[in-house]
Amino acid sequence: MHDTLQYLFRYKAWANDELLTTLARFGAVRRLTITRLAIKALSHTYVVDRIFAAHMRREAHAYTSANLSEMPTLKDLSADIRKSDQEYVDYVSTLDRVQLAERIDFAFADGAPGRMSREEMLMHVINHGTGHRGQVSAVMLLNAVAPAKDGFTTYLHEAEASARGRTVARG
């Protein structure tokens, strides 16, 4: 599972980067319609990522909600997400099976008690982010805008093109 988690967190960083890059290219009209929802969804994902990063390290965090009261700019949010994603990539590479299986008690942002293994928390972070990227992609499609390419198979064939017998031309 450890190799799978490393793949999934590298994929998460790539998929987020693809989406953030696509959003940054939008014109003003599309930006108003799509980017507002994207910032709301992605800032929520970012907050949840940071909350679970703190839980896994048994550290306190300052969040009292899984949503921000004030929305960041796309530029600031993009920088925060990219930094957080890299921290997860680095963190996952340091974990062994015992650490992954360790159950940790914590409190959810609403105060409810929780208990999960690090591996379960990591899988939640992956699935939660995938769901919200899909939400943003659906809004893009509803507004006749092609969403970012974010499929795991696309990632594998771009990240490991030579190992998969492909050359990738990006434009």
N, C-alpha and C. Protein backbone atom coordinates (compact mmCIF):
# COMPACT_ATOMS: atom_id res chain seq x y z
N MET A 1 0.82 -1.20 0.00
CA MET A 1 0.00 0.00 0.00
C MET A 1 0.86 1.26 0.00
N HIS A 2 2.05 1.19 0.59
CA HIS A 2 2.89 2.37 0.71
C HIS A 2 3.24 2.94 -0.67
N ASP A 3 3.63 2.09 -1.62
CA ASP A 3 3.91 2.56 -2.98
C ASP A 3 2.67 3.19 -3.60
N THR A 4 1.52 2.58 -3.35
CA THR A 4 0.27 3.12 -3.88
C THR A 4 0.01 4.51 -3.32
N LEU A 5 0.21 4.69 -2.03
CA LEU A 5 0.02 6.02 -1.43
C LEU A 5 0.97 7.05 -2.03
N GLN A 6 2.21 6.64 -2.26
CA GLN A 6 3.16 7.57 -2.87
C GLN A 6 2.69 7.97 -4.26
N TYR A 7 2.26 7.01 -5.05
CA TYR A 7 1.70 7.31 -6.38
C TYR A 7 0.51 8.26 -6.26
N LEU A 8 -0.40 7.95 -5.35
CA LEU A 8 -1.62 8.74 -5.23
C LEU A 8 -1.34 10.18 -4.80
N PHE A 9 -0.38 10.39 -3.93
CA PHE A 9 -0.09 11.76 -3.51
C PHE A 9 0.70 12.53 -4.56
N ARG A 10 1.52 11.85 -5.32
CA ARG A 10 2.16 12.54 -6.47
C ARG A 10 1.09 12.87 -7.51
N TYR A 11 0.16 11.95 -7.73
CA TYR A 11 -0.95 12.21 -8.65
C TYR A 11 -1.80 13.38 -8.16
N LYS A 12 -2.12 13.41 -6.88
CA LYS A 12 -2.92 14.51 -6.31
C LYS A 12 -2.25 15.85 -6.58
N ALA A 13 -0.95 15.93 -6.34
CA ALA A 13 -0.21 17.18 -6.58
C ALA A 13 -0.28 17.56 -8.06
N TRP A 14 -0.11 16.59 -8.94
CA TRP A 14 -0.16 16.84 -10.38
C TRP A 14 -1.56 17.29 -10.80
N ALA A 15 -2.59 16.59 -10.34
CA ALA A 15 -3.97 16.92 -10.73
C ALA A 15 -4.36 18.30 -10.21
N ASN A 16 -3.98 18.62 -8.98
CA ASN A 16 -4.26 19.96 -8.47
C ASN A 16 -3.55 21.02 -9.29
N ASP A 17 -2.29 20.75 -9.64
CA ASP A 17 -1.54 21.71 -10.45
C ASP A 17 -2.19 21.91 -11.81
N GLU A 18 -2.64 20.83 -12.43
CA GLU A 18 -3.32 20.93 -13.72
C GLU A 18 -4.57 21.81 -13.61
N LEU A 19 -5.36 21.58 -12.58
CA LEU A 19 -6.59 22.34 -12.39
C LEU A 19 -6.29 23.80 -12.08
N LEU A 20 -5.36 24.06 -11.19
CA LEU A 20 -5.01 25.44 -10.83
C LEU A 20 -4.45 26.20 -12.02
N THR A 21 -3.64 25.53 -12.83
CA THR A 21 -3.08 26.16 -14.03
C THR A 21 -4.19 26.49 -15.02
N THR A 22 -5.14 25.58 -15.19
CA THR A 22 -6.27 25.82 -16.08
C THR A 22 -7.11 27.00 -15.59
N LEU A 23 -7.40 27.04 -14.30
CA LEU A 23 -8.19 28.13 -13.74
C LEU A 23 -7.49 29.48 -13.91
N ALA A 24 -6.18 29.49 -13.77
CA ALA A 24 -5.42 30.74 -13.89
C ALA A 24 -5.46 31.31 -15.31
N ARG A 25 -5.75 30.47 -16.28
CA ARG A 25 -5.79 30.91 -17.69
C ARG A 25 -7.14 31.48 -18.11
N PHE A 26 -8.14 31.37 -17.26
CA PHE A 26 -9.47 31.85 -17.63
C PHE A 26 -9.51 33.35 -17.80
N GLY A 27 -10.37 33.80 -18.70
CA GLY A 27 -10.64 35.22 -18.85
C GLY A 27 -11.56 35.70 -17.74
N ALA A 28 -11.78 36.99 -17.67
CA ALA A 28 -12.54 37.60 -16.57
C ALA A 28 -13.97 37.07 -16.46
N VAL A 29 -14.67 36.90 -17.59
CA VAL A 29 -16.06 36.44 -17.53
C VAL A 29 -16.14 35.02 -17.00
N ARG A 30 -15.34 34.14 -17.54
CA ARG A 30 -15.34 32.75 -17.06
C ARG A 30 -14.85 32.69 -15.62
N ARG A 31 -13.90 33.53 -15.31
CA ARG A 31 -13.34 33.51 -13.96
C ARG A 31 -14.43 33.80 -12.92
N LEU A 32 -15.28 34.76 -13.20
CA LEU A 32 -16.34 35.09 -12.25
C LEU A 32 -17.27 33.92 -12.02
N THR A 33 -17.64 33.24 -13.08
CA THR A 33 -18.60 32.15 -12.99
C THR A 33 -18.01 30.90 -12.36
N ILE A 34 -16.87 30.50 -12.84
CA ILE A 34 -16.29 29.21 -12.45
C ILE A 34 -15.32 29.33 -11.29
N THR A 35 -14.47 30.34 -11.33
CA THR A 35 -13.40 30.43 -10.35
C THR A 35 -13.93 30.65 -8.94
N ARG A 36 -15.04 31.35 -8.80
CA ARG A 36 -15.61 31.57 -7.47
C ARG A 36 -15.93 30.24 -6.80
N LEU A 37 -16.61 29.35 -7.52
CA LEU A 37 -16.92 28.04 -6.96
C LEU A 37 -15.64 27.24 -6.75
N ALA A 38 -14.73 27.31 -7.72
CA ALA A 38 -13.48 26.56 -7.61
C ALA A 38 -12.71 26.98 -6.36
N ILE A 39 -12.62 28.27 -6.11
CA ILE A 39 -11.91 28.75 -4.93
C ILE A 39 -12.59 28.25 -3.66
N LYS A 40 -13.90 28.29 -3.63
CA LYS A 40 -14.64 27.81 -2.45
C LYS A 40 -14.39 26.32 -2.22
N ALA A 41 -14.52 25.52 -3.28
CA ALA A 41 -14.33 24.07 -3.16
C ALA A 41 -12.88 23.72 -2.83
N LEU A 42 -11.94 24.36 -3.52
CA LEU A 42 -10.53 24.02 -3.33
C LEU A 42 -9.98 24.57 -2.02
N SER A 43 -10.50 25.70 -1.54
CA SER A 43 -10.05 26.19 -0.24
C SER A 43 -10.55 25.26 0.86
N HIS A 44 -11.76 24.74 0.70
CA HIS A 44 -12.28 23.75 1.65
C HIS A 44 -11.38 22.51 1.65
N THR A 45 -11.03 22.04 0.47
CA THR A 45 -10.15 20.87 0.38
C THR A 45 -8.81 21.15 1.04
N TYR A 46 -8.27 22.34 0.79
CA TYR A 46 -6.99 22.73 1.39
C TYR A 46 -7.09 22.71 2.92
N VAL A 47 -8.15 23.28 3.47
CA VAL A 47 -8.31 23.32 4.93
C VAL A 47 -8.39 21.90 5.49
N VAL A 48 -9.16 21.04 4.86
CA VAL A 48 -9.26 19.65 5.32
C VAL A 48 -7.90 18.96 5.23
N ASP A 49 -7.16 19.21 4.16
CA ASP A 49 -5.81 18.65 4.04
C ASP A 49 -4.94 19.07 5.22
N ARG A 50 -4.99 20.35 5.56
CA ARG A 50 -4.16 20.87 6.65
C ARG A 50 -4.62 20.32 8.01
N ILE A 51 -5.92 20.20 8.19
CA ILE A 51 -6.43 19.64 9.45
C ILE A 51 -5.94 18.21 9.63
N PHE A 52 -6.03 17.40 8.58
CA PHE A 52 -5.60 16.01 8.70
C PHE A 52 -4.08 15.89 8.79
N ALA A 53 -3.35 16.80 8.17
CA ALA A 53 -1.89 16.81 8.33
C ALA A 53 -1.54 17.02 9.80
N ALA A 54 -2.25 17.92 10.45
CA ALA A 54 -2.03 18.16 11.88
C ALA A 54 -2.40 16.93 12.71
N HIS A 55 -3.54 16.31 12.40
CA HIS A 55 -3.95 15.11 13.13
C HIS A 55 -2.89 14.02 13.03
N MET A 56 -2.37 13.79 11.83
CA MET A 56 -1.40 12.71 11.65
C MET A 56 -0.11 12.97 12.41
N ARG A 57 0.21 14.24 12.61
CA ARG A 57 1.43 14.60 13.35
C ARG A 57 1.13 14.84 14.84
N ARG A 58 -0.13 14.65 15.21
CA ARG A 58 -0.56 14.88 16.60
C ARG A 58 -0.27 16.31 17.04
N GLU A 59 -0.53 17.23 16.14
CA GLU A 59 -0.32 18.66 16.40
C GLU A 59 -1.66 19.38 16.40
N ALA A 60 -1.68 20.50 17.08
CA ALA A 60 -2.88 21.33 17.09
C ALA A 60 -2.96 22.11 15.77
N HIS A 61 -4.16 22.50 15.41
CA HIS A 61 -4.36 23.38 14.26
C HIS A 61 -5.32 24.48 14.69
N ALA A 62 -5.36 25.54 13.92
CA ALA A 62 -6.16 26.71 14.31
C ALA A 62 -7.54 26.75 13.67
N TYR A 63 -7.88 25.73 12.88
CA TYR A 63 -9.16 25.75 12.16
C TYR A 63 -10.32 25.38 13.08
N THR A 64 -11.38 26.16 13.03
CA THR A 64 -12.60 25.86 13.78
C THR A 64 -13.71 25.41 12.85
N SER A 65 -13.41 25.38 11.56
CA SER A 65 -14.36 24.97 10.53
C SER A 65 -13.56 24.41 9.36
N ALA A 66 -14.20 23.59 8.57
CA ALA A 66 -13.56 23.06 7.36
C ALA A 66 -13.70 24.04 6.19
N ASN A 67 -14.27 25.20 6.45
CA ASN A 67 -14.43 26.24 5.43
C ASN A 67 -13.85 27.55 5.95
N LEU A 68 -13.25 28.30 5.06
CA LEU A 68 -12.70 29.60 5.42
C LEU A 68 -13.80 30.65 5.45
N SER A 69 -13.71 31.59 6.35
CA SER A 69 -14.71 32.66 6.40
C SER A 69 -14.47 33.69 5.29
N GLU A 70 -13.22 33.86 4.90
CA GLU A 70 -12.88 34.76 3.79
C GLU A 70 -12.14 33.95 2.74
N MET A 71 -12.55 34.10 1.49
CA MET A 71 -11.94 33.35 0.41
C MET A 71 -10.63 34.00 -0.01
N PRO A 72 -9.60 33.19 -0.22
CA PRO A 72 -8.33 33.71 -0.70
C PRO A 72 -8.41 34.02 -2.19
N THR A 73 -7.39 34.67 -2.71
CA THR A 73 -7.29 34.84 -4.15
C THR A 73 -6.87 33.51 -4.76
N LEU A 74 -7.12 33.34 -6.03
CA LEU A 74 -6.69 32.11 -6.70
C LEU A 74 -5.18 31.98 -6.62
N LYS A 75 -4.47 33.07 -6.78
CA LYS A 75 -3.00 33.04 -6.73
C LYS A 75 -2.51 32.55 -5.37
N ASP A 76 -3.05 33.12 -4.29
CA ASP A 76 -2.62 32.71 -2.95
C ASP A 76 -3.02 31.27 -2.65
N LEU A 77 -4.24 30.91 -3.01
CA LEU A 77 -4.71 29.54 -2.78
C LEU A 77 -3.86 28.54 -3.56
N SER A 78 -3.52 28.88 -4.79
CA SER A 78 -2.69 27.99 -5.61
C SER A 78 -1.34 27.74 -4.94
N ALA A 79 -0.72 28.79 -4.44
CA ALA A 79 0.57 28.64 -3.76
C ALA A 79 0.43 27.77 -2.51
N ASP A 80 -0.63 28.00 -1.75
CA ASP A 80 -0.86 27.20 -0.53
C ASP A 80 -1.10 25.73 -0.86
N ILE A 81 -1.91 25.47 -1.87
CA ILE A 81 -2.21 24.08 -2.24
C ILE A 81 -0.95 23.38 -2.74
N ARG A 82 -0.18 24.04 -3.58
CA ARG A 82 1.04 23.42 -4.10
C ARG A 82 2.02 23.10 -2.98
N LYS A 83 2.15 24.00 -2.03
CA LYS A 83 3.04 23.75 -0.88
C LYS A 83 2.52 22.58 -0.05
N SER A 84 1.23 22.57 0.24
CA SER A 84 0.63 21.49 1.02
C SER A 84 0.78 20.15 0.31
N ASP A 85 0.53 20.14 -0.99
CA ASP A 85 0.67 18.89 -1.75
C ASP A 85 2.09 18.35 -1.67
N GLN A 86 3.08 19.23 -1.78
CA GLN A 86 4.47 18.78 -1.69
C GLN A 86 4.78 18.25 -0.29
N GLU A 87 4.23 18.89 0.72
CA GLU A 87 4.43 18.40 2.08
C GLU A 87 3.86 16.99 2.24
N TYR A 88 2.70 16.73 1.65
CA TYR A 88 2.12 15.39 1.71
C TYR A 88 2.98 14.38 0.95
N VAL A 89 3.45 14.74 -0.23
CA VAL A 89 4.33 13.84 -0.99
C VAL A 89 5.54 13.47 -0.14
N ASP A 90 6.16 14.47 0.47
CA ASP A 90 7.34 14.23 1.31
C ASP A 90 6.98 13.40 2.54
N TYR A 91 5.87 13.72 3.18
CA TYR A 91 5.46 13.03 4.41
C TYR A 91 5.18 11.55 4.15
N VAL A 92 4.42 11.27 3.11
CA VAL A 92 4.06 9.88 2.81
C VAL A 92 5.31 9.03 2.57
N SER A 93 6.32 9.62 1.97
CA SER A 93 7.54 8.86 1.67
C SER A 93 8.32 8.48 2.93
N THR A 94 8.01 9.11 4.07
CA THR A 94 8.73 8.81 5.32
C THR A 94 8.05 7.75 6.17
N LEU A 95 6.83 7.38 5.84
CA LEU A 95 6.05 6.49 6.71
C LEU A 95 6.34 5.02 6.46
N ASP A 96 6.38 4.25 7.54
CA ASP A 96 6.49 2.80 7.40
C ASP A 96 5.13 2.18 7.72
N ARG A 97 5.04 0.87 7.59
CA ARG A 97 3.75 0.18 7.78
C ARG A 97 3.18 0.37 9.20
N VAL A 98 4.05 0.37 10.18
CA VAL A 98 3.60 0.54 11.57
C VAL A 98 2.99 1.93 11.74
N GLN A 99 3.66 2.95 11.21
CA GLN A 99 3.13 4.31 11.31
C GLN A 99 1.82 4.46 10.54
N LEU A 100 1.71 3.82 9.38
CA LEU A 100 0.48 3.89 8.61
C LEU A 100 -0.69 3.26 9.36
N ALA A 101 -0.42 2.18 10.08
CA ALA A 101 -1.48 1.45 10.78
C ALA A 101 -1.85 2.09 12.13
N GLU A 102 -1.00 2.96 12.64
CA GLU A 102 -1.25 3.55 13.96
C GLU A 102 -2.55 4.34 13.98
N ARG A 103 -3.39 4.03 14.95
CA ARG A 103 -4.66 4.75 15.11
C ARG A 103 -4.43 5.98 15.98
N ILE A 104 -5.04 7.07 15.55
CA ILE A 104 -4.84 8.35 16.23
C ILE A 104 -6.20 8.92 16.62
N ASP A 105 -6.31 9.31 17.88
CA ASP A 105 -7.52 9.99 18.36
C ASP A 105 -7.38 11.47 18.06
N PHE A 106 -8.47 12.09 17.65
CA PHE A 106 -8.46 13.52 17.31
C PHE A 106 -9.88 14.05 17.43
N ALA A 107 -10.03 15.34 17.27
CA ALA A 107 -11.35 15.96 17.23
C ALA A 107 -11.56 16.56 15.85
N PHE A 108 -12.73 16.30 15.27
CA PHE A 108 -13.09 16.94 14.01
C PHE A 108 -13.26 18.44 14.26
N ALA A 109 -13.30 19.21 13.20
CA ALA A 109 -13.42 20.67 13.32
C ALA A 109 -14.67 21.08 14.10
N ASP A 110 -15.71 20.24 14.03
CA ASP A 110 -16.95 20.57 14.77
C ASP A 110 -16.91 20.08 16.22
N GLY A 111 -15.78 19.50 16.63
CA GLY A 111 -15.61 19.04 18.00
C GLY A 111 -15.92 17.57 18.23
N ALA A 112 -16.54 16.91 17.26
CA ALA A 112 -16.87 15.49 17.41
C ALA A 112 -15.57 14.67 17.49
N PRO A 113 -15.56 13.62 18.33
CA PRO A 113 -14.36 12.80 18.43
C PRO A 113 -14.18 11.92 17.19
N GLY A 114 -12.92 11.69 16.86
CA GLY A 114 -12.61 10.81 15.74
C GLY A 114 -11.44 9.92 16.09
N ARG A 115 -11.33 8.80 15.38
CA ARG A 115 -10.20 7.89 15.55
C ARG A 115 -10.00 7.19 14.22
N MET A 116 -8.83 7.38 13.65
CA MET A 116 -8.50 6.77 12.35
C MET A 116 -7.02 6.44 12.33
N SER A 117 -6.67 5.48 11.49
CA SER A 117 -5.25 5.22 11.26
C SER A 117 -4.72 6.30 10.31
N ARG A 118 -3.40 6.45 10.28
CA ARG A 118 -2.81 7.40 9.33
C ARG A 118 -3.19 7.00 7.90
N GLU A 119 -3.16 5.71 7.62
CA GLU A 119 -3.51 5.26 6.28
C GLU A 119 -4.94 5.65 5.93
N GLU A 120 -5.86 5.50 6.86
CA GLU A 120 -7.25 5.90 6.61
C GLU A 120 -7.35 7.41 6.39
N MET A 121 -6.61 8.17 7.18
CA MET A 121 -6.62 9.63 7.00
C MET A 121 -6.08 10.00 5.63
N LEU A 122 -5.00 9.35 5.23
CA LEU A 122 -4.41 9.64 3.92
C LEU A 122 -5.38 9.29 2.79
N MET A 123 -6.07 8.16 2.92
CA MET A 123 -7.05 7.79 1.90
C MET A 123 -8.20 8.79 1.88
N HIS A 124 -8.60 9.29 3.05
CA HIS A 124 -9.64 10.32 3.08
C HIS A 124 -9.18 11.57 2.34
N VAL A 125 -7.96 12.01 2.59
CA VAL A 125 -7.43 13.21 1.94
C VAL A 125 -7.44 13.03 0.42
N ILE A 126 -7.01 11.87 -0.05
CA ILE A 126 -7.00 11.59 -1.50
C ILE A 126 -8.42 11.64 -2.06
N ASN A 127 -9.33 10.90 -1.44
CA ASN A 127 -10.70 10.82 -1.96
C ASN A 127 -11.44 12.15 -1.86
N HIS A 128 -11.25 12.85 -0.79
CA HIS A 128 -11.90 14.14 -0.59
C HIS A 128 -11.47 15.13 -1.68
N GLY A 129 -10.18 15.19 -1.94
CA GLY A 129 -9.68 16.10 -2.98
C GLY A 129 -10.17 15.72 -4.37
N THR A 130 -10.20 14.42 -4.65
CA THR A 130 -10.69 13.96 -5.95
C THR A 130 -12.14 14.37 -6.15
N GLY A 131 -12.94 14.22 -5.12
CA GLY A 131 -14.35 14.60 -5.22
C GLY A 131 -14.54 16.07 -5.54
N HIS A 132 -13.78 16.92 -4.87
CA HIS A 132 -13.95 18.36 -5.11
C HIS A 132 -13.34 18.80 -6.44
N ARG A 133 -12.27 18.16 -6.88
CA ARG A 133 -11.78 18.46 -8.25
C ARG A 133 -12.85 18.08 -9.26
N GLY A 134 -13.53 16.97 -9.03
CA GLY A 134 -14.62 16.56 -9.92
C GLY A 134 -15.76 17.55 -9.90
N GLN A 135 -16.06 18.10 -8.74
CA GLN A 135 -17.10 19.12 -8.62
C GLN A 135 -16.74 20.34 -9.48
N VAL A 136 -15.50 20.79 -9.40
CA VAL A 136 -15.07 21.94 -10.20
C VAL A 136 -15.12 21.60 -11.68
N SER A 137 -14.68 20.41 -12.04
CA SER A 137 -14.72 19.99 -13.45
C SER A 137 -16.15 19.96 -13.98
N ALA A 138 -17.10 19.51 -13.15
CA ALA A 138 -18.50 19.48 -13.58
C ALA A 138 -19.02 20.89 -13.85
N VAL A 139 -18.67 21.84 -13.01
CA VAL A 139 -19.08 23.23 -13.24
C VAL A 139 -18.46 23.76 -14.52
N MET A 140 -17.22 23.39 -14.78
CA MET A 140 -16.57 23.82 -16.02
C MET A 140 -17.34 23.27 -17.22
N LEU A 141 -17.67 21.99 -17.17
CA LEU A 141 -18.42 21.38 -18.27
C LEU A 141 -19.79 22.03 -18.46
N LEU A 142 -20.47 22.34 -17.36
CA LEU A 142 -21.78 22.99 -17.44
C LEU A 142 -21.69 24.39 -18.05
N ASN A 143 -20.50 24.98 -17.99
CA ASN A 143 -20.28 26.31 -18.56
C ASN A 143 -19.52 26.23 -19.89
N ALA A 144 -19.56 25.06 -20.53
CA ALA A 144 -18.95 24.84 -21.85
C ALA A 144 -17.45 25.13 -21.86
N VAL A 145 -16.78 24.78 -20.77
CA VAL A 145 -15.34 24.94 -20.67
C VAL A 145 -14.72 23.56 -20.46
N ALA A 146 -13.71 23.24 -21.24
CA ALA A 146 -13.04 21.96 -21.09
C ALA A 146 -12.31 21.92 -19.75
N PRO A 147 -12.56 20.90 -18.94
CA PRO A 147 -11.87 20.81 -17.65
C PRO A 147 -10.41 20.40 -17.84
N ALA A 148 -9.64 20.58 -16.80
CA ALA A 148 -8.24 20.15 -16.83
C ALA A 148 -8.20 18.64 -16.98
N LYS A 149 -7.18 18.16 -17.65
CA LYS A 149 -6.97 16.71 -17.72
C LYS A 149 -6.43 16.28 -16.37
N ASP A 150 -7.18 15.41 -15.70
CA ASP A 150 -6.74 15.04 -14.35
C ASP A 150 -6.87 13.55 -14.06
N GLY A 151 -6.96 12.74 -15.09
CA GLY A 151 -7.09 11.31 -14.88
C GLY A 151 -5.80 10.67 -14.40
N PHE A 152 -5.92 9.67 -13.55
CA PHE A 152 -4.75 8.97 -13.05
C PHE A 152 -3.95 8.34 -14.18
N THR A 153 -4.64 7.80 -15.18
CA THR A 153 -3.93 7.20 -16.31
C THR A 153 -3.15 8.27 -17.09
N THR A 154 -3.72 9.45 -17.23
CA THR A 154 -3.00 10.54 -17.90
C THR A 154 -1.76 10.89 -17.10
N TYR A 155 -1.91 11.00 -15.80
CA TYR A 155 -0.76 11.30 -14.93
C TYR A 155 0.34 10.26 -15.11
N LEU A 156 0.00 8.98 -15.02
CA LEU A 156 1.01 7.93 -15.13
C LEU A 156 1.76 8.01 -16.45
N HIS A 157 1.03 8.24 -17.53
CA HIS A 157 1.66 8.25 -18.84
C HIS A 157 2.44 9.53 -19.12
N GLU A 158 2.15 10.59 -18.39
CA GLU A 158 2.97 11.80 -18.50
C GLU A 158 4.15 11.74 -17.54
N ALA A 159 3.93 11.28 -16.33
CA ALA A 159 4.99 11.24 -15.33
C ALA A 159 6.04 10.18 -15.64
N GLU A 160 5.62 9.10 -16.27
CA GLU A 160 6.53 7.99 -16.57
C GLU A 160 6.45 7.63 -18.05
N ALA A 161 6.50 8.64 -18.89
CA ALA A 161 6.29 8.43 -20.33
C ALA A 161 7.25 7.40 -20.92
N SER A 162 8.53 7.52 -20.63
CA SER A 162 9.49 6.60 -21.24
C SER A 162 9.31 5.18 -20.73
N ALA A 163 8.97 5.01 -19.46
CA ALA A 163 8.76 3.68 -18.90
C ALA A 163 7.51 3.02 -19.47
N ARG A 164 6.61 3.82 -20.00
CA ARG A 164 5.36 3.31 -20.55
C ARG A 164 5.37 3.31 -22.08
N GLY A 165 6.55 3.54 -22.65
CA GLY A 165 6.69 3.47 -24.10
C GLY A 165 6.04 4.63 -24.83
N ARG A 166 5.98 5.79 -24.19
CA ARG A 166 5.34 6.95 -24.80
C ARG A 166 6.25 8.16 -24.71
N THR A 167 6.04 9.03 -25.64
CA THR A 167 6.62 10.36 -25.52
C THR A 167 5.46 11.32 -25.43
N VAL A 168 5.59 12.29 -24.60
CA VAL A 168 4.49 13.22 -24.36
C VAL A 168 4.88 14.59 -24.85
N ALA A 169 4.05 15.12 -25.71
CA ALA A 169 4.22 16.50 -26.17
C ALA A 169 3.16 17.34 -25.50
N ARG A 170 3.60 18.28 -24.71
CA ARG A 170 2.64 19.16 -24.01
C ARG A 170 2.64 20.49 -24.70
N GLY A 171 1.43 21.05 -24.81
CA GLY A 171 1.36 22.33 -25.51
C GLY A 171 0.72 23.40 -24.77
